[in-house]
Amino acid sequence: MHYIAPVQGHTDAAWRRLHSMAYNGDMNYITPFIRIEKGMIRLRDMRDYTSDLNDGVAVGPQVIFNGTDELRILLQGLAGLGTQTVNLNMGCPFPMQTGRGRGAAILSCPGSLDGLDSLMTEFAPMRFSVKMRLGYDNPGQWRKLMPLLNSVPLDFIAVHPRTGRQQYSGELNMVEFEALLGESAAPVVFNGGLRSPGDIADVKARYPRIAGVMAARGILGRPSLFEEYDAGREFPTDERIGRMLLFHDRLLAYYTGSLCGEAQILSKIKPFWEYAEGEIGHKAFKAIRKAGSMAKYRTAISGLEWL
């Protein structure tokens, strides 16, 4: 099973729909996290989840919370929409969320999840999964949370083998990942550092017990990643770039028709390439980043056709 993890500001409803149209494969999408703001569910997050663009796309919502009180509010709102699956974010490393006790910070304060089992029972038959780190500031913090996670029904646990403090730098801690894999009662999905079909093959060969893989930045940089793995071959560079441009052009057309003004369109479409330097090369990547107008942006993009 392949899961596409959310990245705030990138994998919105339009991105998910057009990616699902541009690439084949057994892909399940997760929305950017839905959060509480001023005691209420943030409406902008819910609009993305309830968008008509999600029709026909295998997508489920993710929520971020600092404990069961916030989680209850979120689940109440989602239950009212008939939501069947919810992903619980216990891995976001960004200080704006961890500073509020959310995301990876949950791992340093497992007591904030007291009552999770009864809450899940209350919202049955809604099904749950977890996306987590090994810890917040210590890679062994998952151990204190595992008895609780093993006591509740989970479709899977997606594990990024770093701490929240590391964010996306430093080595993956595979020793702790292996220990967690051995102790988890729920199926474990591997998340982190997957940037090529070979990376996926290697991790599946090393850990045949895993239930699947999850990618976020890896698939933003190489949108064909999962299709290539399923096909059993790496696509040639010209094929990857050509299809990436087709995907990009469709997304640009959507944003051009739905947003107002050149600056707004540029601020939305330029992040499409944020993780693609390794795919398109430094020169093209730099030209796209420097483009301050649509004319210069289109000139930079046109250069990719010759790669």
Protein backbone atom coordinates (compact mmCIF):
# COMPACT_ATOMS: atom_id res chain seq x y z
CA MET A 1 0.00 0.00 0.00
CA HIS A 2 1.27 3.49 -0.88
CA TYR A 3 0.32 6.57 1.13
CA ILE A 4 0.93 10.18 0.13
CA ALA A 5 1.50 12.19 3.27
CA PRO A 6 0.39 15.82 3.43
CA VAL A 7 2.65 18.84 3.14
CA GLN A 8 1.09 22.14 4.16
CA GLY A 9 0.86 24.59 1.26
CA HIS A 10 1.49 21.89 -1.34
CA THR A 11 -0.84 18.90 -1.34
CA ASP A 12 -4.18 20.71 -1.41
CA ALA A 13 -7.32 19.29 -3.01
CA ALA A 14 -6.37 20.50 -6.50
CA TRP A 15 -2.89 18.97 -6.23
CA ARG A 16 -4.30 15.65 -5.03
CA ARG A 17 -6.92 15.41 -7.76
CA LEU A 18 -4.59 16.34 -10.60
CA HIS A 19 -1.83 14.09 -9.29
CA SER A 20 -4.27 11.17 -9.18
CA MET A 21 -5.20 11.92 -12.79
CA ALA A 22 -1.60 12.26 -13.97
CA TYR A 23 -0.14 9.16 -12.32
CA ASN A 24 -1.21 5.55 -11.92
CA GLY A 25 -0.80 3.38 -8.86
CA ASP A 26 -2.34 2.23 -5.62
CA MET A 27 -2.19 5.60 -3.88
CA ASN A 28 -4.02 6.83 -0.82
CA TYR A 29 -3.89 10.55 -0.05
CA ILE A 30 -4.04 12.20 3.37
CA THR A 31 -5.14 15.83 3.73
CA PRO A 32 -3.01 18.50 5.38
CA PHE A 33 -3.87 18.44 9.07
CA ILE A 34 -7.13 19.89 10.31
CA ARG A 35 -6.63 21.89 13.49
CA ILE A 36 -8.37 23.79 16.23
CA GLU A 37 -8.19 27.59 16.09
CA LYS A 38 -9.74 29.74 18.84
CA GLY A 39 -11.57 26.72 20.20
CA MET A 40 -13.16 25.78 16.87
CA ILE A 41 -12.23 23.70 13.85
CA ARG A 42 -10.41 25.90 11.35
CA LEU A 43 -12.80 26.36 8.44
CA ARG A 44 -10.07 26.65 5.80
CA ASP A 45 -8.87 23.16 6.69
CA MET A 46 -12.36 21.73 6.45
CA ARG A 47 -12.97 23.38 3.08
CA ASP A 48 -10.00 21.53 1.66
CA TYR A 49 -11.30 18.22 2.98
CA THR A 50 -14.88 18.77 1.79
CA SER A 51 -13.91 20.18 -1.63
CA ASP A 52 -15.64 18.67 -4.66
CA LEU A 53 -12.13 18.14 -6.05
CA ASN A 54 -11.82 15.17 -3.69
CA ASP A 55 -14.61 13.29 -5.49
CA GLY A 56 -13.24 10.06 -6.89
CA VAL A 57 -9.90 10.44 -5.07
CA ALA A 58 -8.88 8.04 -2.30
CA VAL A 59 -8.38 10.66 0.42
CA GLY A 60 -8.84 10.78 4.16
CA PRO A 61 -8.46 13.60 6.70
CA GLN A 62 -5.64 14.10 9.15
CA VAL A 63 -6.12 15.92 12.45
CA ILE A 64 -3.61 17.51 14.81
CA PHE A 65 -4.37 18.08 18.49
CA ASN A 66 -2.78 18.60 21.91
CA GLY A 67 -4.90 16.05 23.73
CA THR A 68 -8.24 14.32 23.80
CA ASP A 69 -10.24 17.53 24.38
CA GLU A 70 -9.13 19.01 21.06
CA LEU A 71 -9.40 15.62 19.40
CA ARG A 72 -13.02 15.27 20.52
CA ILE A 73 -13.97 18.57 18.85
CA LEU A 74 -12.27 17.50 15.64
CA LEU A 75 -13.90 14.08 15.60
CA GLN A 76 -17.32 15.55 16.26
CA GLY A 77 -16.96 17.81 13.24
CA LEU A 78 -15.74 14.98 11.00
CA ALA A 79 -18.35 12.51 12.23
CA GLY A 80 -21.03 14.99 11.16
CA LEU A 81 -19.72 14.69 7.61
CA GLY A 82 -19.90 10.90 7.63
CA THR A 83 -16.11 10.52 7.75
CA GLN A 84 -15.01 6.88 7.88
CA THR A 85 -11.25 7.14 8.48
CA VAL A 86 -9.11 9.65 10.38
CA ASN A 87 -5.33 9.92 10.61
CA LEU A 88 -3.98 11.19 13.94
CA ASN A 89 -0.92 13.44 13.59
CA MET A 90 1.66 12.70 16.27
CA GLY A 91 4.64 13.58 14.14
CA CYS A 92 4.54 17.20 12.93
CA PRO A 93 7.90 18.71 13.94
CA PHE A 94 7.20 22.38 13.36
CA PRO A 95 7.49 24.66 16.41
CA MET A 96 4.20 26.47 15.71
CA GLN A 97 2.44 23.17 16.44
CA THR A 98 4.79 21.45 18.89
CA GLY A 99 4.83 24.66 20.94
CA ARG A 100 1.11 24.11 21.45
CA GLY A 101 1.63 20.52 22.54
CA ARG A 102 0.60 19.10 19.16
CA GLY A 103 2.22 16.80 16.64
CA ALA A 104 5.51 15.27 17.77
CA ALA A 105 5.18 17.01 21.15
CA ILE A 106 2.49 14.43 22.04
CA LEU A 107 5.29 11.85 22.26
CA SER A 108 6.93 13.73 25.13
CA CYS A 109 3.63 13.95 27.01
CA PRO A 110 1.75 10.67 26.50
CA GLY A 111 -0.55 11.49 29.42
CA SER A 112 -2.32 13.99 27.16
CA LEU A 113 -3.83 10.97 25.39
CA ASP A 114 -5.49 9.54 28.49
CA GLY A 115 -8.96 8.45 27.43
CA LEU A 116 -8.04 7.87 23.80
CA ASP A 117 -9.40 4.33 23.96
CA SER A 118 -12.84 5.43 25.16
CA LEU A 119 -12.90 8.27 22.63
CA MET A 120 -12.27 5.84 19.78
CA THR A 121 -15.02 3.60 21.08
CA GLU A 122 -17.39 6.58 21.23
CA PHE A 123 -16.76 7.43 17.57
CA ALA A 124 -16.89 3.88 16.23
CA PRO A 125 -17.24 2.68 13.51
CA MET A 126 -14.87 5.48 12.45
CA ARG A 127 -11.44 3.90 11.83
CA PHE A 128 -8.15 5.42 12.93
CA SER A 129 -4.50 5.46 11.94
CA VAL A 130 -1.47 7.30 13.35
CA LYS A 131 1.40 9.20 11.76
CA MET A 132 4.24 9.63 14.24
CA ARG A 133 7.91 10.19 14.92
CA LEU A 134 10.10 8.13 17.24
CA GLY A 135 9.90 10.93 19.77
CA TYR A 136 10.02 14.65 20.22
CA ASP A 137 13.50 15.14 21.65
CA ASN A 138 14.44 11.53 22.38
CA PRO A 139 14.17 8.66 19.88
CA GLY A 140 13.02 6.27 22.58
CA GLN A 141 9.91 8.21 23.61
CA TRP A 142 7.68 6.04 21.43
CA ARG A 143 8.05 3.28 24.03
CA LYS A 144 5.90 5.10 26.60
CA LEU A 145 3.14 5.57 24.05
CA MET A 146 3.19 2.06 22.59
CA PRO A 147 1.11 0.35 25.32
CA LEU A 148 -1.73 2.77 24.57
CA LEU A 149 -1.40 2.41 20.80
CA ASN A 150 -1.37 -1.36 21.16
CA SER A 151 -4.58 -1.24 23.17
CA VAL A 152 -6.66 0.55 20.53
CA PRO A 153 -7.75 -0.55 17.04
CA LEU A 154 -5.56 1.11 14.40
CA ASP A 155 -5.49 0.51 10.67
CA PHE A 156 -1.79 1.32 10.66
CA ILE A 157 0.97 3.36 12.28
CA ALA A 158 3.14 5.36 9.86
CA VAL A 159 6.55 5.95 11.40
CA HIS A 160 9.14 8.54 10.40
CA PRO A 161 12.36 7.33 12.10
CA ARG A 162 13.52 10.73 13.37
CA THR A 163 12.63 12.90 16.34
CA GLY A 164 10.60 16.06 16.09
CA ARG A 165 13.66 18.10 17.05
CA GLN A 166 15.50 16.75 14.02
CA GLN A 167 12.74 17.87 11.68
CA TYR A 168 14.02 16.58 8.33
CA SER A 169 17.77 16.57 8.92
CA GLY A 170 20.14 14.00 10.38
CA GLU A 171 20.21 10.26 10.03
CA LEU A 172 17.17 8.03 10.19
CA ASN A 173 17.28 5.96 13.39
CA MET A 174 16.70 2.50 11.99
CA VAL A 175 17.62 0.74 15.25
CA GLU A 176 14.68 2.36 17.02
CA PHE A 177 12.46 1.81 14.00
CA GLU A 178 13.22 -1.92 14.08
CA ALA A 179 12.41 -2.03 17.79
CA LEU A 180 9.10 -0.25 17.22
CA LEU A 181 8.28 -2.55 14.31
CA GLY A 182 8.75 -5.51 16.61
CA GLU A 183 6.52 -4.12 19.36
CA SER A 184 3.64 -2.62 17.38
CA ALA A 185 0.41 -4.57 17.35
CA ALA A 186 -0.82 -2.49 14.42
CA PRO A 187 0.59 -2.74 10.88
CA VAL A 188 3.54 -0.38 10.44
CA VAL A 189 4.05 1.86 7.40
CA PHE A 190 7.55 3.23 6.71
CA ASN A 191 7.84 6.98 6.11
CA GLY A 192 10.99 8.99 5.51
CA GLY A 193 13.74 9.52 2.95
CA LEU A 194 12.07 7.69 0.05
CA ARG A 195 13.13 9.49 -3.11
CA SER A 196 13.50 6.77 -5.75
CA PRO A 197 11.91 3.41 -6.61
CA GLY A 198 15.16 1.82 -5.43
CA ASP A 199 14.71 3.38 -1.99
CA ILE A 200 11.28 1.78 -1.72
CA ALA A 201 12.56 -1.59 -2.88
CA ASP A 202 15.43 -1.45 -0.38
CA VAL A 203 13.24 -0.67 2.62
CA LYS A 204 10.71 -3.35 1.67
CA ALA A 205 13.47 -5.92 1.27
CA ARG A 206 15.02 -4.95 4.60
CA TYR A 207 11.69 -4.92 6.44
CA PRO A 208 9.34 -7.40 4.74
CA ARG A 209 6.89 -7.04 7.65
CA ILE A 210 5.99 -3.43 6.87
CA ALA A 211 2.47 -2.87 5.59
CA GLY A 212 3.41 -0.19 3.08
CA VAL A 213 5.31 3.02 2.53
CA MET A 214 4.48 6.69 2.81
CA ALA A 215 6.11 9.62 1.03
CA ALA A 216 5.66 13.37 1.12
CA ARG A 217 8.64 15.43 0.00
CA GLY A 218 9.87 12.50 -2.05
CA ILE A 219 6.74 12.46 -4.17
CA LEU A 220 6.63 16.26 -4.45
CA GLY A 221 10.10 16.11 -5.95
CA ARG A 222 9.35 13.06 -8.08
CA PRO A 223 5.59 12.74 -8.60
CA SER A 224 5.99 9.49 -10.56
CA LEU A 225 7.70 7.77 -7.60
CA PHE A 226 5.00 5.25 -6.74
CA GLU A 227 4.03 4.57 -10.36
CA GLU A 228 7.66 3.80 -11.17
CA TYR A 229 7.91 1.38 -8.25
CA ASP A 230 4.70 -0.38 -9.25
CA ALA A 231 5.95 -0.62 -12.85
CA GLY A 232 9.20 -2.21 -11.66
CA ARG A 233 11.42 0.25 -13.49
CA GLU A 234 12.84 3.76 -13.27
CA PHE A 235 11.39 5.99 -15.98
CA PRO A 236 13.91 7.84 -18.17
CA THR A 237 14.55 11.44 -17.17
CA ASP A 238 12.83 12.90 -20.22
CA GLU A 239 9.69 10.86 -19.50
CA ARG A 240 9.64 11.91 -15.83
CA ILE A 241 10.14 15.58 -16.67
CA GLY A 242 7.62 15.52 -19.52
CA ARG A 243 4.89 14.05 -17.34
CA MET A 244 5.80 16.33 -14.46
CA LEU A 245 5.37 19.32 -16.79
CA LEU A 246 1.96 18.04 -17.90
CA PHE A 247 0.90 17.71 -14.27
CA HIS A 248 2.28 21.19 -13.55
CA ASP A 249 0.50 22.76 -16.52
CA ARG A 250 -2.85 21.36 -15.41
CA LEU A 251 -2.30 22.65 -11.89
CA LEU A 252 -1.23 26.07 -13.19
CA ALA A 253 -4.35 26.22 -15.35
CA TYR A 254 -6.49 25.46 -12.30
CA TYR A 255 -4.82 28.11 -10.14
CA THR A 256 -4.98 30.65 -12.96
CA GLY A 257 -8.72 30.13 -13.19
CA SER A 258 -9.39 30.13 -9.44
CA LEU A 259 -6.96 32.72 -8.03
CA CYS A 260 -6.83 36.45 -8.54
CA GLY A 261 -3.72 38.25 -9.75
CA GLU A 262 -0.26 37.28 -10.91
CA ALA A 263 1.37 37.50 -7.48
CA GLN A 264 -1.18 35.15 -5.94
CA ILE A 265 -0.84 32.62 -8.75
CA LEU A 266 2.96 32.70 -8.57
CA SER A 267 2.97 32.24 -4.79
CA LYS A 268 0.82 29.15 -5.23
CA ILE A 269 2.49 27.49 -8.21
CA LYS A 270 6.20 28.10 -7.50
CA PRO A 271 6.19 25.76 -4.46
CA PHE A 272 5.38 22.95 -6.93
CA TRP A 273 9.13 22.80 -7.59
CA GLU A 274 10.36 23.31 -4.01
CA TYR A 275 11.58 19.72 -3.59
CA ALA A 276 12.44 19.03 -7.23
CA GLU A 277 15.99 20.38 -7.49
CA GLY A 278 17.39 16.86 -7.66
CA GLU A 279 15.01 16.07 -10.51
CA ILE A 280 15.27 19.20 -12.66
CA GLY A 281 18.80 20.37 -11.81
CA HIS A 282 20.16 23.36 -9.93
CA LYS A 283 20.16 25.79 -12.87
CA ALA A 284 16.48 25.31 -13.70
CA PHE A 285 15.56 25.22 -10.03
CA LYS A 286 17.33 28.53 -9.41
CA ALA A 287 15.67 30.18 -12.44
CA ILE A 288 12.23 29.16 -11.21
CA ARG A 289 12.91 30.46 -7.71
CA LYS A 290 14.14 33.80 -9.02
CA ALA A 291 11.21 34.37 -11.40
CA GLY A 292 9.33 37.45 -10.20
CA SER A 293 6.70 37.61 -12.92
CA MET A 294 4.60 35.13 -14.85
CA ALA A 295 6.55 35.94 -18.02
CA LYS A 296 9.88 35.07 -16.34
CA TYR A 297 8.32 32.05 -14.69
CA ARG A 298 7.06 30.67 -17.98
CA THR A 299 10.48 31.25 -19.53
CA ALA A 300 12.10 29.29 -16.70
CA ILE A 301 9.59 26.45 -17.07
CA SER A 302 10.07 26.30 -20.84
CA GLY A 303 13.72 25.46 -20.27
CA LEU A 304 12.69 22.15 -18.67
CA GLU A 305 11.38 20.89 -22.01
CA TRP A 306 14.96 20.53 -23.18
CA LEU A 307 16.22 18.50 -20.25
